[in-house]
Protein backbone atom coordinates (compact mmCIF):
# COMPACT_ATOMS: atom_id res chain seq x y z
CA MET A 1 40.65 -93.43 -136.08
CA ARG A 2 42.36 -90.14 -136.80
CA ARG A 3 46.11 -90.05 -136.54
CA PHE A 4 47.51 -88.67 -133.27
CA LEU A 5 50.61 -86.48 -133.67
CA ILE A 6 52.62 -84.89 -130.90
CA CYS A 7 54.61 -81.73 -131.63
CA LEU A 8 57.26 -81.89 -128.91
CA THR A 9 59.21 -78.79 -129.93
CA VAL A 10 56.35 -76.63 -128.72
CA VAL A 11 54.83 -79.35 -126.50
CA CYS A 12 51.47 -79.44 -128.19
CA ILE A 13 49.11 -81.87 -129.85
CA SER A 14 48.43 -80.89 -133.42
CA THR A 15 45.89 -83.57 -134.41
CA TRP A 16 43.47 -85.24 -132.03
CA ALA A 17 42.98 -88.93 -131.60
CA ILE A 18 39.60 -90.21 -130.54
CA PRO A 19 39.92 -90.11 -126.74
CA ALA A 20 39.03 -93.05 -124.57
CA LEU A 21 35.63 -92.85 -122.91
CA ALA A 22 35.14 -93.35 -119.21
CA PRO A 23 31.88 -94.75 -117.78
CA GLY A 24 29.05 -92.29 -118.35
CA GLY A 25 30.55 -90.95 -121.56
CA SER A 26 33.11 -88.57 -120.02
CA THR A 27 36.58 -88.46 -121.52
CA THR A 28 39.68 -89.60 -119.66
CA ARG A 29 43.36 -89.30 -120.46
CA VAL A 30 45.22 -92.41 -121.55
CA PRO A 31 47.98 -93.39 -119.06
CA ILE A 32 51.42 -93.83 -120.62
CA LEU A 33 54.30 -95.22 -118.55
CA VAL A 34 57.64 -93.60 -119.39
CA GLU A 35 60.79 -95.08 -117.85
CA LEU A 36 64.05 -93.16 -118.19
CA PHE A 37 67.28 -95.01 -117.46
CA THR A 38 69.80 -92.35 -116.55
CA SER A 39 72.86 -91.55 -114.43
CA GLU A 40 74.50 -88.52 -112.87
CA GLY A 41 77.79 -89.88 -114.21
CA CYS A 42 76.63 -89.54 -117.83
CA SER A 43 77.13 -86.18 -119.55
CA ASP A 44 74.47 -87.01 -122.18
CA CYS A 45 71.78 -87.57 -119.54
CA PRO A 46 70.85 -84.05 -118.29
CA PRO A 47 68.88 -83.16 -121.48
CA ALA A 48 66.87 -86.37 -121.09
CA ASP A 49 66.31 -85.62 -117.39
CA ALA A 50 64.98 -82.18 -118.37
CA PHE A 51 62.71 -83.73 -121.00
CA LEU A 52 61.27 -86.14 -118.42
CA GLU A 53 60.55 -83.17 -116.16
CA LYS A 54 58.57 -81.52 -118.98
CA LEU A 55 56.56 -84.70 -119.48
CA ASP A 56 55.79 -84.81 -115.76
CA ARG A 57 54.10 -81.41 -116.13
CA GLN A 58 51.40 -83.15 -118.20
CA PRO A 59 51.63 -81.26 -121.51
CA PHE A 60 49.10 -83.44 -123.37
CA GLN A 61 45.34 -83.27 -123.01
CA VAL A 62 44.64 -86.84 -124.15
CA ALA A 63 47.52 -88.59 -122.34
CA GLU A 64 48.56 -88.85 -118.69
CA MET A 65 52.33 -89.17 -118.60
CA ILE A 66 53.37 -91.44 -115.71
CA VAL A 67 57.12 -91.01 -115.52
CA LEU A 68 59.86 -92.88 -113.64
CA SER A 69 63.56 -91.99 -113.47
CA GLU A 70 65.65 -95.13 -112.82
CA HIS A 71 69.31 -94.40 -112.05
CA VAL A 72 71.67 -97.19 -113.12
CA ASP A 73 74.92 -97.94 -111.28
CA TYR A 74 77.34 -98.83 -114.09
CA TRP A 75 78.54 -95.22 -114.38
CA ASN A 76 79.63 -95.10 -110.74
CA HIS A 77 83.18 -96.18 -111.57
CA ASP A 78 83.98 -92.86 -113.29
CA GLY A 79 84.67 -90.78 -110.18
CA TRP A 80 81.11 -90.00 -109.09
CA LYS A 81 78.70 -92.33 -107.32
CA ASP A 82 75.15 -91.41 -108.22
CA PRO A 83 73.33 -91.25 -104.85
CA TYR A 84 70.09 -92.46 -106.47
CA SER A 85 71.63 -95.36 -108.36
CA SER A 86 70.95 -99.03 -107.77
CA HIS A 87 72.09 -102.22 -109.44
CA PHE A 88 68.43 -103.26 -109.49
CA TYR A 89 67.69 -100.60 -112.12
CA SER A 90 70.72 -101.71 -114.14
CA GLU A 91 69.31 -105.24 -114.11
CA ARG A 92 65.86 -103.98 -115.10
CA GLN A 93 67.38 -102.11 -118.02
CA ALA A 94 69.40 -105.18 -119.02
CA ALA A 95 66.18 -107.21 -119.16
CA TYR A 96 64.76 -104.63 -121.56
CA ALA A 97 67.94 -104.80 -123.66
CA ARG A 98 67.48 -108.54 -124.04
CA ARG A 99 63.83 -108.11 -124.94
CA PHE A 100 64.64 -105.47 -127.58
CA PHE A 101 67.61 -107.52 -128.87
CA LEU A 102 70.01 -104.66 -128.17
CA PRO A 103 73.77 -105.36 -128.19
CA SER A 104 74.24 -103.49 -124.89
CA VAL A 105 72.63 -101.10 -122.44
CA TYR A 106 73.11 -97.35 -122.73
CA THR A 107 72.11 -94.06 -121.16
CA PRO A 108 69.98 -92.09 -121.47
CA GLN A 109 67.41 -94.63 -122.59
CA MET A 110 63.65 -94.08 -122.56
CA ILE A 111 61.18 -96.98 -122.54
CA VAL A 112 57.51 -96.24 -123.30
CA ASP A 113 54.89 -98.73 -122.09
CA GLY A 114 57.50 -101.49 -122.32
CA THR A 115 57.16 -101.57 -126.12
CA SER A 116 59.29 -98.71 -127.51
CA GLU A 117 62.88 -97.73 -126.73
CA PHE A 118 65.06 -94.85 -127.92
CA VAL A 119 67.65 -92.32 -126.76
CA GLY A 120 65.97 -90.44 -123.92
CA SER A 121 66.60 -86.99 -125.40
CA ASN A 122 65.29 -87.92 -128.89
CA GLN A 123 62.02 -86.02 -128.87
CA ALA A 124 61.03 -87.06 -132.40
CA ALA A 125 61.25 -90.74 -131.45
CA ALA A 126 59.40 -89.95 -128.23
CA GLY A 127 56.55 -88.36 -130.19
CA GLU A 128 56.10 -91.49 -132.29
CA ALA A 129 56.16 -93.72 -129.22
CA PHE A 130 53.66 -91.55 -127.34
CA ALA A 131 51.31 -91.53 -130.34
CA LYS A 132 51.39 -95.31 -130.51
CA ALA A 133 50.84 -95.66 -126.77
CA ALA A 134 47.99 -93.13 -126.68
CA ASN A 135 46.07 -95.12 -129.29
CA THR A 136 46.36 -98.39 -127.36
CA THR A 137 43.56 -99.75 -125.18
CA LYS A 138 44.68 -99.83 -121.55
CA VAL A 139 43.72 -101.92 -118.55
CA GLY A 140 42.36 -99.83 -115.69
CA VAL A 141 44.58 -99.56 -112.58
CA ARG A 142 43.24 -98.00 -109.39
CA MET A 143 44.81 -97.19 -106.01
CA SER A 144 42.74 -96.38 -102.94
CA SER A 145 42.80 -96.44 -99.13
CA ILE A 146 46.34 -95.06 -99.16
CA SER A 147 47.77 -94.34 -95.72
CA ILE A 148 51.14 -93.95 -94.01
CA ASP A 149 51.59 -94.92 -90.37
CA SER A 150 53.94 -93.46 -87.77
CA ALA A 151 56.62 -96.04 -88.62
CA ASN A 152 56.67 -94.88 -92.28
CA ASN A 153 54.84 -97.94 -93.56
CA LEU A 154 52.70 -97.43 -96.64
CA MET A 155 49.39 -99.24 -96.99
CA ALA A 156 47.25 -99.16 -100.12
CA HIS A 157 44.60 -101.09 -101.99
CA ILE A 158 45.44 -101.82 -105.62
CA GLU A 159 43.06 -103.27 -108.15
CA THR A 160 42.99 -103.69 -111.91
CA ASN A 161 40.50 -104.56 -114.58
CA ALA A 162 40.74 -107.96 -116.23
CA LEU A 163 43.59 -108.54 -118.63
CA PRO A 164 43.03 -109.26 -122.31
CA ASP A 165 42.56 -112.93 -123.11
CA ASN A 166 45.62 -115.20 -123.19
CA GLN A 167 47.80 -112.76 -121.28
CA LYS A 168 49.63 -113.03 -117.97
CA ALA A 169 51.12 -110.05 -116.18
CA ASP A 170 52.90 -108.86 -113.08
CA VAL A 171 51.72 -106.02 -110.86
CA TYR A 172 54.41 -103.61 -109.71
CA VAL A 173 54.52 -100.74 -107.24
CA ALA A 174 57.19 -98.03 -107.45
CA ILE A 175 57.95 -95.37 -104.86
CA ALA A 176 59.65 -92.30 -106.30
CA LEU A 177 60.85 -88.87 -105.21
CA ASN A 178 58.87 -86.09 -106.83
CA HIS A 179 62.03 -83.98 -107.08
CA ALA A 180 65.72 -84.34 -106.29
CA ASP A 181 68.84 -82.21 -106.80
CA SER A 182 72.54 -83.04 -106.76
CA GLN A 183 75.70 -80.94 -106.85
CA VAL A 184 78.06 -83.19 -108.79
CA SER A 185 81.74 -82.80 -107.87
CA ALA A 186 83.40 -85.43 -110.09
CA GLY A 187 82.94 -87.47 -113.24
CA GLU A 188 81.54 -86.29 -116.58
CA ASN A 189 79.11 -83.83 -114.95
CA ALA A 190 81.61 -82.36 -112.46
CA GLY A 191 80.65 -78.86 -111.34
CA ARG A 192 77.02 -79.15 -112.45
CA LYS A 193 73.89 -78.99 -110.34
CA LEU A 194 71.53 -81.65 -111.66
CA SER A 195 67.77 -81.81 -111.22
CA HIS A 196 65.66 -84.96 -111.40
CA THR A 197 61.98 -85.85 -111.50
CA ALA A 198 60.22 -89.01 -110.25
CA VAL A 199 63.43 -90.61 -108.99
CA VAL A 200 62.64 -94.24 -108.19
CA ARG A 201 63.73 -95.36 -104.73
CA LEU A 202 62.22 -98.83 -104.94
CA ILE A 203 60.24 -101.03 -107.31
CA SER A 204 58.53 -104.12 -106.00
CA LYS A 205 56.51 -106.83 -107.69
CA VAL A 206 53.42 -107.19 -105.51
CA GLY A 207 51.47 -109.82 -107.39
CA SER A 208 50.51 -111.46 -110.66
CA VAL A 209 47.42 -111.44 -112.84
CA GLU A 210 46.24 -114.59 -114.54
CA LYS A 211 44.70 -114.83 -117.98
CA GLY A 212 41.49 -112.82 -118.23
CA GLN A 213 41.41 -112.11 -114.50
CA PRO A 214 41.36 -108.85 -112.51
CA TYR A 215 43.67 -108.14 -109.56
CA ALA A 216 42.80 -106.80 -106.11
CA GLN A 217 45.18 -106.73 -103.16
CA GLU A 218 46.12 -104.79 -100.04
CA ILE A 219 49.82 -103.93 -100.08
CA HIS A 220 52.20 -102.96 -97.26
CA MET A 221 55.57 -101.37 -98.04
CA LYS A 222 58.28 -99.72 -95.98
CA LEU A 223 58.99 -96.24 -97.32
CA PRO A 224 62.63 -95.25 -97.93
CA PRO A 225 64.29 -93.86 -94.78
CA ASP A 226 64.97 -90.14 -94.26
CA VAL A 227 62.52 -89.15 -97.01
CA SER A 228 59.49 -86.96 -96.43
CA PRO A 229 56.24 -88.45 -97.74
CA SER A 230 55.43 -84.97 -99.05
CA ASN A 231 58.13 -85.52 -101.69
CA LEU A 232 56.98 -89.01 -102.71
CA ARG A 233 54.65 -90.52 -105.26
CA ILE A 234 53.34 -94.06 -105.71
CA VAL A 235 53.07 -95.61 -109.15
CA SER A 236 51.42 -98.95 -109.88
CA PHE A 237 51.61 -100.65 -113.25
CA VAL A 238 50.64 -103.94 -114.84
CA GLN A 239 53.31 -105.40 -117.11
CA GLN A 240 53.32 -108.48 -119.29
CA ALA A 241 55.28 -111.29 -117.71
CA GLN A 242 59.05 -111.22 -118.31
CA GLN A 243 59.02 -107.42 -118.49
CA GLY A 244 57.04 -106.93 -121.66
CA LYS A 245 54.18 -104.64 -122.62
CA VAL A 246 52.68 -102.38 -119.96
CA PHE A 247 48.92 -102.90 -119.98
CA GLY A 248 48.04 -100.07 -117.60
CA ALA A 249 49.41 -97.71 -114.96
CA ALA A 250 48.35 -95.18 -112.33
CA MET A 251 50.10 -92.57 -110.17
CA ARG A 252 49.18 -90.89 -106.89
CA PRO A 253 51.15 -88.31 -104.88
CA LEU A 254 51.73 -89.22 -101.23
CA GLY A 255 52.01 -85.67 -99.94
CA SER A 256 48.32 -85.50 -99.07
CA GLU A 257 48.36 -88.76 -97.12
CA SER A 258 48.42 -88.29 -93.36
CA HIS A 259 50.31 -90.27 -90.74
């Protein structure tokens, strides 16, 4: 297999990898899950937030970048409470820190497919992680029959291909804002208007996949209040038990779904 290199300074791919083949011989982009742990209280985070936004624009022809911005809450003590923060995301990041044997959590941190971690604005490290992820065989994840009722309940059918042998995994669904802005009045980013992409409002484990088995399930979730579905996306991913390797992921915008 030819080596796959990503030139992030000009957002291009300089050498092609052999792309994955879909049924019928057509090519398909490899899904790569990118989680950014960030905070509006962190002055080092805006460059990483901007980088995530670039990735969300899908700059690579062989890879589909499925991005999530998870705002931690441990910066909230410094004069500004991040309105998108949650202790749940801090706990999720702490689980990654234990898995990567890190001495502590930090922001901005980027996690790629649950297997690579680095400072979220380090584009050279990101290129290496994306190259590794793009050359990894993925488990297919599909979402269909997506609908939103008048009470803002989301219904969807999620299914996956069978896992590799001797593996167990959890199936997650995340609901995220496509775009969000904040005018920060205190803390390290005081006076700045910050812009965010794919801001996670909730992540829920919806099921598990046993060794060598596929997954298929109807899910029902309450959408976050006071948020327009036109500014939401749904992401589903299959992750090795105890928050390990991500075997596959998929993303769908909710703006086209009718009540």
